[in-house]
Amino acid sequence: MQTMTENERHEIQETGELRLIDPQTRQEYVAVKAELYDRIKQLAVDDSQWSDDEMEALAARMFTELDNPEKIR
């Protein structure tokens, strides 16, 4: 695990985030407090079982969009 510098610590305390750029790829990353990351991850990932109604609704939407390719984004 990487240890942050004093400047990085100050920035994340002030703004709640720390933006970092990979010098090789120029890809930007955002470091946030672990508690916030865990909450975001929990909200973004739903690994619960889908109900039959949810599966049918997804299938109906998928078939509708396949029949109308201009709706696919």
C-alpha atoms as a PDB file:
ATOM      1  CA  MET A   1       0.000   0.000   0.000  1.00  0.00           C
ATOM      2  CA  GLN A   2       1.249   3.454  -0.932  1.00  0.00           C
ATOM      3  CA  THR A   3       1.701   6.139   1.744  1.00  0.00           C
ATOM      4  CA  MET A   4       0.479   9.621   0.862  1.00  0.00           C
ATOM      5  CA  THR A   5       2.600  12.729   1.114  1.00  0.00           C
ATOM      6  CA  GLU A   6       1.788  15.622   3.436  1.00  0.00           C
ATOM      7  CA  ASN A   7       0.534  17.671   0.439  1.00  0.00           C
ATOM      8  CA  GLU A   8      -1.711  14.803  -0.685  1.00  0.00           C
ATOM      9  CA  ARG A   9      -3.058  14.384   2.846  1.00  0.00           C
ATOM     10  CA  HIS A  10      -3.856  18.089   3.022  1.00  0.00           C
ATOM     11  CA  GLU A  11      -5.610  18.045  -0.370  1.00  0.00           C
ATOM     12  CA  ILE A  12      -7.812  15.055   0.472  1.00  0.00           C
ATOM     13  CA  GLN A  13      -8.736  16.621   3.826  1.00  0.00           C
ATOM     14  CA  GLU A  14      -9.670  19.899   2.134  1.00  0.00           C
ATOM     15  CA  THR A  15     -11.553  18.548  -0.891  1.00  0.00           C
ATOM     16  CA  GLY A  16     -12.494  14.975   0.056  1.00  0.00           C
ATOM     17  CA  GLU A  17     -10.671  13.637  -2.999  1.00  0.00           C
ATOM     18  CA  LEU A  18      -7.205  13.418  -4.478  1.00  0.00           C
ATOM     19  CA  ARG A  19      -6.779  13.499  -8.253  1.00  0.00           C
ATOM     20  CA  LEU A  20      -3.724  11.700  -9.594  1.00  0.00           C
ATOM     21  CA  ILE A  21      -2.393  11.346 -13.145  1.00  0.00           C
ATOM     22  CA  ASP A  22      -0.408   8.367 -14.378  1.00  0.00           C
ATOM     23  CA  PRO A  23       2.579  10.009 -16.103  1.00  0.00           C
ATOM     24  CA  GLN A  24       2.913   7.202 -18.656  1.00  0.00           C
ATOM     25  CA  THR A  25      -0.708   6.885 -19.783  1.00  0.00           C
ATOM     26  CA  ARG A  26      -1.982  10.345 -18.760  1.00  0.00           C
ATOM     27  CA  GLN A  27      -4.978   8.488 -17.248  1.00  0.00           C
ATOM     28  CA  GLU A  28      -6.579  10.372 -14.382  1.00  0.00           C
ATOM     29  CA  TYR A  29      -7.537   8.648 -11.134  1.00  0.00           C
ATOM     30  CA  VAL A  30      -9.412   9.850  -8.068  1.00  0.00           C
ATOM     31  CA  ALA A  31      -8.490   8.685  -4.587  1.00  0.00           C
ATOM     32  CA  VAL A  32     -11.247   8.976  -1.997  1.00  0.00           C
ATOM     33  CA  LYS A  33     -11.558   7.938   1.630  1.00  0.00           C
ATOM     34  CA  ALA A  34     -11.966   4.171   1.994  1.00  0.00           C
ATOM     35  CA  GLU A  35     -15.340   4.574   3.734  1.00  0.00           C
ATOM     36  CA  LEU A  36     -16.681   6.553   0.762  1.00  0.00           C
ATOM     37  CA  TYR A  37     -15.271   4.062  -1.741  1.00  0.00           C
ATOM     38  CA  ASP A  38     -16.897   1.179   0.156  1.00  0.00           C
ATOM     39  CA  ARG A  39     -20.273   2.973   0.162  1.00  0.00           C
ATOM     40  CA  ILE A  40     -20.036   3.763  -3.570  1.00  0.00           C
ATOM     41  CA  LYS A  41     -19.045   0.193  -4.358  1.00  0.00           C
ATOM     42  CA  GLN A  42     -21.932  -1.158  -2.319  1.00  0.00           C
ATOM     43  CA  LEU A  43     -24.393   1.078  -4.175  1.00  0.00           C
ATOM     44  CA  ALA A  44     -22.947   0.314  -7.607  1.00  0.00           C
ATOM     45  CA  VAL A  45     -22.749  -3.458  -7.287  1.00  0.00           C
ATOM     46  CA  ASP A  46     -25.971  -5.365  -6.783  1.00  0.00           C
ATOM     47  CA  ASP A  47     -25.156  -9.053  -6.692  1.00  0.00           C
ATOM     48  CA  SER A  48     -28.555 -10.099  -5.387  1.00  0.00           C
ATOM     49  CA  GLN A  49     -30.702 -12.562  -7.300  1.00  0.00           C
ATOM     50  CA  TRP A  50     -33.043 -11.057  -9.888  1.00  0.00           C
ATOM     51  CA  SER A  51     -36.746 -11.741  -9.569  1.00  0.00           C
ATOM     52  CA  ASP A  52     -38.666 -13.274 -12.467  1.00  0.00           C
ATOM     53  CA  ASP A  53     -40.378  -9.917 -13.039  1.00  0.00           C
ATOM     54  CA  GLU A  54     -37.015  -8.127 -13.273  1.00  0.00           C
ATOM     55  CA  MET A  55     -35.684 -10.715 -15.728  1.00  0.00           C
ATOM     56  CA  GLU A  56     -38.810 -10.460 -17.887  1.00  0.00           C
ATOM     57  CA  ALA A  57     -38.653  -6.643 -17.892  1.00  0.00           C
ATOM     58  CA  LEU A  58     -34.984  -6.732 -18.902  1.00  0.00           C
ATOM     59  CA  ALA A  59     -35.667  -9.227 -21.676  1.00  0.00           C
ATOM     60  CA  ALA A  60     -38.589  -7.149 -22.990  1.00  0.00           C
ATOM     61  CA  ARG A  61     -36.471  -3.990 -23.009  1.00  0.00           C
ATOM     62  CA  MET A  62     -33.594  -5.787 -24.703  1.00  0.00           C
ATOM     63  CA  PHE A  63     -35.820  -7.179 -27.462  1.00  0.00           C
ATOM     64  CA  THR A  64     -37.470  -3.773 -27.971  1.00  0.00           C
ATOM     65  CA  GLU A  65     -34.082  -2.098 -28.344  1.00  0.00           C
ATOM     66  CA  LEU A  66     -32.826  -4.808 -30.687  1.00  0.00           C
ATOM     67  CA  ASP A  67     -35.895  -4.182 -32.851  1.00  0.00           C
ATOM     68  CA  ASN A  68     -35.091  -0.432 -32.800  1.00  0.00           C
ATOM     69  CA  PRO A  69     -31.291  -0.100 -33.132  1.00  0.00           C
ATOM     70  CA  GLU A  70     -31.491   3.724 -33.140  1.00  0.00           C
ATOM     71  CA  LYS A  71     -32.511   3.537 -29.458  1.00  0.00           C
ATOM     72  CA  ILE A  72     -29.321   1.743 -28.440  1.00  0.00           C
ATOM     73  CA  ARG A  73     -26.813   4.187 -26.954  1.00  0.00           C
END
